[in-house]
N, C-alpha and C. Protein backbone atom coordinates (compact mmCIF):
# COMPACT_ATOMS: atom_id res chain seq x y z
N UNK A 1 0.88 -1.10 -0.09
CA UNK A 1 0.09 -0.04 -0.16
C UNK A 1 0.93 1.32 0.14
N UNK A 2 0.69 2.30 -0.86
CA UNK A 2 1.28 3.35 -1.06
C UNK A 2 1.07 4.54 -0.03
N UNK A 3 1.70 5.24 0.91
CA UNK A 3 1.30 6.36 1.31
C UNK A 3 1.12 7.30 0.95
N UNK A 4 0.50 8.44 1.17
CA UNK A 4 -0.14 9.32 0.38
C UNK A 4 0.72 10.85 1.26
N UNK A 5 0.88 11.99 0.31
CA UNK A 5 1.23 13.14 0.91
C UNK A 5 0.69 13.69 2.06
N UNK A 6 -0.48 13.31 2.21
CA UNK A 6 -1.69 13.55 3.53
C UNK A 6 -1.10 12.80 4.71
N UNK A 7 -0.51 11.72 4.23
CA UNK A 7 -0.24 10.74 5.40
C UNK A 7 1.34 11.13 5.99
N UNK A 8 1.90 11.33 4.99
CA UNK A 8 3.17 12.37 5.35
C UNK A 8 3.02 13.69 6.00
N UNK A 9 2.08 14.52 5.85
CA UNK A 9 2.08 15.37 6.36
C UNK A 9 1.48 15.42 7.72
N UNK A 10 0.60 14.46 8.31
CA UNK A 10 0.38 13.99 9.42
C UNK A 10 1.49 13.44 10.32
N UNK A 11 2.13 12.44 9.60
CA UNK A 11 3.35 11.85 10.39
C UNK A 11 4.31 13.31 10.60
N UNK A 12 4.60 14.22 9.89
CA UNK A 12 5.37 15.54 10.35
C UNK A 12 5.08 15.93 11.07
N UNK A 13 3.37 16.34 11.12
CA UNK A 13 2.98 17.10 12.59
C UNK A 13 3.04 16.79 13.60
N UNK A 14 3.04 15.03 14.08
CA UNK A 14 3.23 14.57 14.97
C UNK A 14 4.41 14.52 15.14
N UNK A 15 5.48 14.04 14.43
CA UNK A 15 6.83 14.00 14.82
C UNK A 15 7.12 15.44 15.49
N UNK A 16 6.80 16.32 14.64
CA UNK A 16 7.31 18.04 15.53
C UNK A 16 6.55 18.33 16.64
N UNK A 17 5.35 17.78 16.89
CA UNK A 17 4.73 18.07 18.16
C UNK A 17 5.39 17.24 19.25
N UNK A 18 6.11 15.98 19.30
CA UNK A 18 6.70 15.40 20.04
C UNK A 18 8.08 15.60 20.36
N UNK A 19 8.55 16.27 19.07
CA UNK A 19 9.72 16.93 19.09
C UNK A 19 9.78 17.94 20.10
N UNK A 20 8.61 18.83 20.19
CA UNK A 20 8.71 20.00 20.79
C UNK A 20 8.26 19.62 22.23
N UNK A 21 7.28 18.88 22.34
CA UNK A 21 6.99 18.36 24.02
C UNK A 21 7.80 17.47 24.70
N UNK A 22 8.68 16.96 23.92
CA UNK A 22 10.08 16.30 24.48
C UNK A 22 11.04 16.99 24.79
N UNK A 23 10.99 18.32 24.33
CA UNK A 23 12.30 19.19 24.50
C UNK A 23 13.51 18.81 23.64
N UNK A 24 13.11 18.29 22.44
CA UNK A 24 14.20 17.97 21.52
C UNK A 24 14.63 18.91 20.28
N UNK A 25 14.42 20.22 20.37
CA UNK A 25 14.13 21.27 19.52
C UNK A 25 15.52 21.59 19.12
N UNK A 26 16.60 21.00 20.13
CA UNK A 26 17.94 21.45 19.64
C UNK A 26 18.44 20.64 18.38
N UNK A 27 17.56 20.01 17.84
CA UNK A 27 17.83 19.11 16.46
C UNK A 27 17.54 19.88 15.71
N UNK A 28 18.08 19.97 14.27
CA UNK A 28 17.72 20.47 12.91
C UNK A 28 17.27 19.24 12.27
N UNK A 29 15.72 18.92 11.97
CA UNK A 29 15.31 18.03 11.31
C UNK A 29 14.92 18.12 9.97
N UNK A 30 15.45 16.72 9.37
CA UNK A 30 15.09 17.08 7.95
C UNK A 30 14.18 15.62 7.88
N UNK A 31 13.09 15.89 7.07
CA UNK A 31 12.24 15.26 6.93
C UNK A 31 11.66 14.60 5.43
N UNK A 32 11.99 13.37 5.60
CA UNK A 32 11.90 12.70 4.01
C UNK A 32 10.68 11.63 3.82
N UNK A 33 10.13 11.74 2.66
CA UNK A 33 9.26 10.45 2.63
C UNK A 33 9.73 9.80 1.53
N UNK A 34 10.35 8.63 1.66
CA UNK A 34 10.96 7.73 1.08
C UNK A 34 10.84 6.27 1.26
N UNK A 35 11.19 5.33 0.71
CA UNK A 35 10.90 3.86 0.54
C UNK A 35 12.11 3.72 1.97
N UNK A 36 11.31 2.90 2.81
CA UNK A 36 12.08 2.23 4.29
C UNK A 36 11.53 0.79 4.17
N UNK A 37 12.53 -0.08 3.77
CA UNK A 37 12.34 -1.56 3.81
C UNK A 37 12.05 -1.77 5.18
N UNK A 38 11.09 -2.60 5.59
CA UNK A 38 10.84 -3.21 6.75
C UNK A 38 10.36 -2.48 8.06
N UNK A 39 9.78 -1.13 7.93
CA UNK A 39 9.38 -0.43 8.67
C UNK A 39 8.65 0.85 8.28
N UNK A 40 8.04 1.35 8.94
CA UNK A 40 7.24 2.62 8.94
C UNK A 40 8.10 4.16 8.62
N UNK A 41 9.01 4.06 9.54
CA UNK A 41 9.79 5.18 9.56
C UNK A 41 10.89 4.92 10.41
N UNK A 42 12.26 5.84 10.09
CA UNK A 42 13.28 5.72 10.86
C UNK A 42 14.01 6.95 11.30
N UNK A 43 14.95 7.05 11.88
CA UNK A 43 15.64 8.38 12.09
C UNK A 43 17.17 7.89 12.10
N UNK A 44 17.74 9.14 11.53
CA UNK A 44 19.36 9.19 11.44
C UNK A 44 20.12 10.22 12.15
N UNK A 45 20.22 10.35 13.67
CA UNK A 45 20.75 11.35 14.47
C UNK A 45 22.19 11.48 13.98
N UNK A 46 22.38 13.00 13.89
CA UNK A 46 23.90 13.28 14.04
C UNK A 46 24.10 13.80 15.40
N UNK A 47 24.38 13.32 16.57
CA UNK A 47 24.28 13.67 18.09
C UNK A 47 25.63 15.30 17.80
N UNK A 48 26.70 15.04 17.21
CA UNK A 48 27.63 16.33 17.61
C UNK A 48 27.12 17.45 16.56
N UNK A 49 26.59 17.41 15.50
CA UNK A 49 26.07 18.39 14.70
C UNK A 49 24.47 18.62 14.99
N UNK A 50 23.84 17.96 15.76
CA UNK A 50 22.34 18.30 16.14
C UNK A 50 21.65 18.36 14.88
N UNK A 51 21.69 17.25 14.23
CA UNK A 51 20.92 17.21 12.87
C UNK A 51 20.03 15.84 12.80
N UNK A 52 19.28 15.56 12.24
CA UNK A 52 18.32 14.27 12.16
C UNK A 52 17.78 14.24 11.09
N UNK A 53 17.79 13.29 10.52
CA UNK A 53 16.76 12.74 9.15
C UNK A 53 16.01 11.62 9.42
N UNK A 54 14.80 11.94 9.51
CA UNK A 54 13.61 11.41 9.77
C UNK A 54 12.97 11.09 8.62
N UNK A 55 12.77 9.62 8.50
CA UNK A 55 11.91 9.16 7.25
C UNK A 55 10.69 8.53 7.71
N UNK A 56 9.73 8.59 6.56
CA UNK A 56 8.51 8.16 6.77
C UNK A 56 8.41 7.11 5.46
N UNK A 57 8.10 5.99 5.46
CA UNK A 57 7.87 4.98 4.47
C UNK A 57 7.11 5.47 3.24
N UNK A 58 7.36 5.33 1.98
CA UNK A 58 6.41 5.56 0.87
C UNK A 58 5.27 4.43 0.70
N UNK A 59 5.86 3.06 1.54
CA UNK A 59 5.02 1.94 1.30
C UNK A 59 4.87 1.35 2.63
N UNK A 60 4.03 0.84 2.68
CA UNK A 60 3.13 0.00 3.73
C UNK A 60 3.03 -1.52 3.54
N UNK A 61 3.28 -2.53 3.99
CA UNK A 61 3.15 -3.69 3.62
C UNK A 61 1.50 -4.26 3.88
N UNK A 62 0.91 -4.79 2.88
CA UNK A 62 -0.44 -5.16 2.80
C UNK A 62 -0.88 -5.27 4.62
N UNK A 63 0.15 -6.36 4.89
CA UNK A 63 -0.51 -7.14 6.02
C UNK A 63 -0.19 -6.40 7.32
N UNK A 64 0.00 -5.00 7.08
CA UNK A 64 0.19 -3.86 8.35
C UNK A 64 -0.41 -3.14 8.38
N UNK A 65 -1.58 -2.85 7.12
CA UNK A 65 -2.38 -2.03 6.97
C UNK A 65 -3.26 -1.94 8.07
N UNK A 66 -3.54 -3.07 9.10
CA UNK A 66 -4.68 -2.35 10.29
C UNK A 66 -4.18 -2.11 11.21
N UNK A 67 -2.73 -2.04 11.45
CA UNK A 67 -1.54 -1.23 12.15
C UNK A 67 -1.28 0.18 12.03
N UNK A 68 -1.45 0.41 10.78
CA UNK A 68 -0.50 1.47 10.06
C UNK A 68 -1.24 2.89 10.54
N UNK A 69 -0.60 3.70 11.21
CA UNK A 69 -1.21 5.20 11.69
C UNK A 69 -0.02 6.04 11.57
N UNK A 70 -0.08 7.00 10.61
CA UNK A 70 1.00 7.77 10.27
C UNK A 70 1.08 9.04 11.70
N UNK A 71 0.12 9.36 12.19
CA UNK A 71 0.48 10.25 13.31
C UNK A 71 1.20 9.15 14.64
N UNK A 72 0.58 8.02 14.80
CA UNK A 72 1.38 7.26 15.68
C UNK A 72 2.91 6.89 15.23
N UNK A 73 3.18 7.01 14.15
CA UNK A 73 4.56 6.55 13.59
C UNK A 73 5.50 7.68 13.95
N UNK A 74 4.94 8.99 13.60
CA UNK A 74 5.51 10.54 14.14
C UNK A 74 5.82 10.41 15.34
N UNK A 75 4.78 9.98 16.31
CA UNK A 75 5.03 9.83 17.59
C UNK A 75 6.25 8.88 18.00
N UNK A 76 6.09 7.69 17.27
CA UNK A 76 7.55 6.74 17.53
C UNK A 76 8.74 7.27 17.27
N UNK A 77 8.94 7.89 16.23
CA UNK A 77 9.79 8.65 15.85
C UNK A 77 10.59 9.48 16.71
N UNK A 78 9.66 10.24 17.12
CA UNK A 78 10.28 11.18 18.28
C UNK A 78 10.67 10.45 19.62
N UNK A 79 9.81 9.66 19.48
CA UNK A 79 10.63 8.66 21.13
C UNK A 79 11.70 8.02 20.91
N UNK A 80 11.89 7.79 19.55
CA UNK A 80 13.34 7.18 18.70
C UNK A 80 14.16 8.18 19.07
N UNK A 81 13.97 9.87 18.97
CA UNK A 81 14.77 10.69 19.03
C UNK A 81 15.43 10.87 20.72
N UNK A 82 14.16 10.78 21.18
CA UNK A 82 14.47 10.88 22.58
C UNK A 82 15.58 10.03 23.27
N UNK A 83 15.53 8.82 22.71
CA UNK A 83 16.26 7.75 23.19
C UNK A 83 17.50 7.61 22.56
N UNK A 84 17.86 8.18 21.53
CA UNK A 84 18.99 7.99 20.53
C UNK A 84 20.21 8.21 21.19
N UNK A 85 20.47 9.32 21.89
CA UNK A 85 21.80 9.35 22.60
C UNK A 85 22.06 8.42 23.42
N UNK A 86 21.10 8.06 24.17
CA UNK A 86 21.73 6.51 25.30
C UNK A 86 21.90 5.37 24.38
N UNK A 87 21.23 5.52 23.14
CA UNK A 87 21.64 3.86 22.64
C UNK A 87 22.99 4.22 21.88
N UNK A 88 23.28 5.40 21.32
CA UNK A 88 24.46 5.80 20.62
C UNK A 88 25.63 5.69 22.12
N UNK A 89 25.26 5.99 23.40
CA UNK A 89 26.38 5.78 23.92
C UNK A 89 26.64 4.34 24.55
N UNK A 90 25.60 3.67 24.70
CA UNK A 90 25.77 2.20 25.06
C UNK A 90 26.42 1.53 24.10
N UNK A 91 26.38 1.68 22.63
CA UNK A 91 26.82 1.10 21.61
C UNK A 91 28.39 1.48 21.64
N UNK A 92 28.57 2.42 21.90
CA UNK A 92 29.88 3.01 21.89
C UNK A 92 31.15 2.02 22.34
N UNK A 93 32.26 2.15 21.77
CA UNK A 93 33.43 1.16 22.33
C UNK A 93 33.75 1.12 23.79
N UNK A 94 33.78 2.51 24.11
CA UNK A 94 34.13 2.95 25.57
C UNK A 94 32.96 4.00 25.94
N UNK A 95 31.85 2.75 26.88
CA UNK A 95 31.01 3.07 27.40
C UNK A 95 31.11 3.65 29.08
N UNK A 96 31.09 4.75 28.98
CA UNK A 96 31.30 5.06 31.07
C UNK A 96 30.05 5.09 31.52
N UNK A 97 29.85 4.84 33.01
CA UNK A 97 28.58 4.79 33.54
C UNK A 97 28.06 6.33 33.90
N UNK A 98 29.12 6.76 34.19
CA UNK A 98 28.69 8.39 34.30
C UNK A 98 27.83 8.87 32.94
N UNK A 99 28.39 8.58 31.78
CA UNK A 99 27.67 8.93 30.50
C UNK A 99 26.43 8.37 30.37
N UNK A 100 25.97 7.21 30.68
CA UNK A 100 24.74 6.56 30.83
C UNK A 100 23.95 7.45 31.90
N UNK A 101 24.50 7.37 33.04
CA UNK A 101 23.53 8.12 34.22
C UNK A 101 23.24 9.65 33.65
N UNK A 102 24.04 10.26 33.35
CA UNK A 102 23.92 11.47 32.73
C UNK A 102 22.68 11.59 31.64
N UNK A 103 22.83 11.11 30.63
CA UNK A 103 21.57 10.88 29.77
C UNK A 103 20.41 10.35 30.04
N UNK A 104 20.49 9.32 31.23
CA UNK A 104 19.16 9.07 31.90
C UNK A 104 18.49 9.78 32.67
N UNK A 105 19.26 10.91 33.17
CA UNK A 105 18.53 12.02 33.83
C UNK A 105 18.27 13.13 32.89
N UNK A 106 18.71 13.40 31.49
CA UNK A 106 18.36 14.27 30.68
C UNK A 106 17.05 13.58 30.17
N UNK A 107 16.69 12.45 29.82
CA UNK A 107 15.65 12.03 29.40
C UNK A 107 14.56 11.93 30.41
N UNK A 108 14.82 11.76 31.93
CA UNK A 108 14.10 11.73 32.87
C UNK A 108 13.10 13.30 32.88
N UNK A 109 14.39 14.24 32.65
CA UNK A 109 14.10 15.63 32.72
C UNK A 109 12.87 16.16 31.62
N UNK A 110 13.32 15.88 30.64
CA UNK A 110 12.39 16.09 29.44
C UNK A 110 11.15 15.13 29.73
N UNK A 111 11.35 14.21 30.02
CA UNK A 111 9.76 13.74 30.60
C UNK A 111 9.01 14.40 31.62
N UNK A 112 9.63 14.84 32.68
CA UNK A 112 9.21 15.61 33.58
C UNK A 112 8.78 16.95 33.19
N UNK A 113 9.18 17.70 32.43
CA UNK A 113 9.24 18.70 31.87
C UNK A 113 7.69 18.52 30.90
N UNK A 114 7.24 17.54 30.06
CA UNK A 114 6.50 17.58 29.51
C UNK A 114 5.28 17.14 30.25
N UNK A 115 5.67 16.20 31.53
CA UNK A 115 4.19 15.73 32.15
C UNK A 115 3.78 16.68 33.26
N UNK A 116 4.44 17.50 33.79
CA UNK A 116 4.51 18.66 34.27
C UNK A 116 3.81 19.57 33.56
N UNK A 117 3.71 19.79 32.63
CA UNK A 117 2.73 20.53 31.86
C UNK A 117 1.42 20.23 31.55
N UNK A 118 1.06 18.97 31.84
CA UNK A 118 -0.25 18.11 31.58
C UNK A 118 -0.98 18.11 32.59
N UNK A 119 -2.24 18.93 32.63
CA UNK A 119 -3.38 19.20 33.50
C UNK A 119 -4.02 17.33 33.72
N UNK A 120 -4.11 17.22 35.03
CA UNK A 120 -4.97 16.25 35.61
C UNK A 120 -6.34 16.16 34.97
């Protein structure tokens, strides 16, 4: 199944919303609508340059039609960006516990800032 321009716009709007809500506005985002094999979307962050390429697939397998949702995919990629630095640290050749602790607290603070803004 092909995804549409409107699907891409919904994906982008959701991603931007979660990028803002989670305090990830220090990244310059390049949003692309292109074929991604085996997934609805993906991110490719450059932490030093604070640039992330965010991709939304132009095709969705027919078997996944019932779970496909562009806004949910945008949120998912926003959450991927939230945890991307921690993932990068953990995969590094030299992983220092203090780096992991620092990033864990950065993620917690971002979530606190978002959740504290919510009304019960």
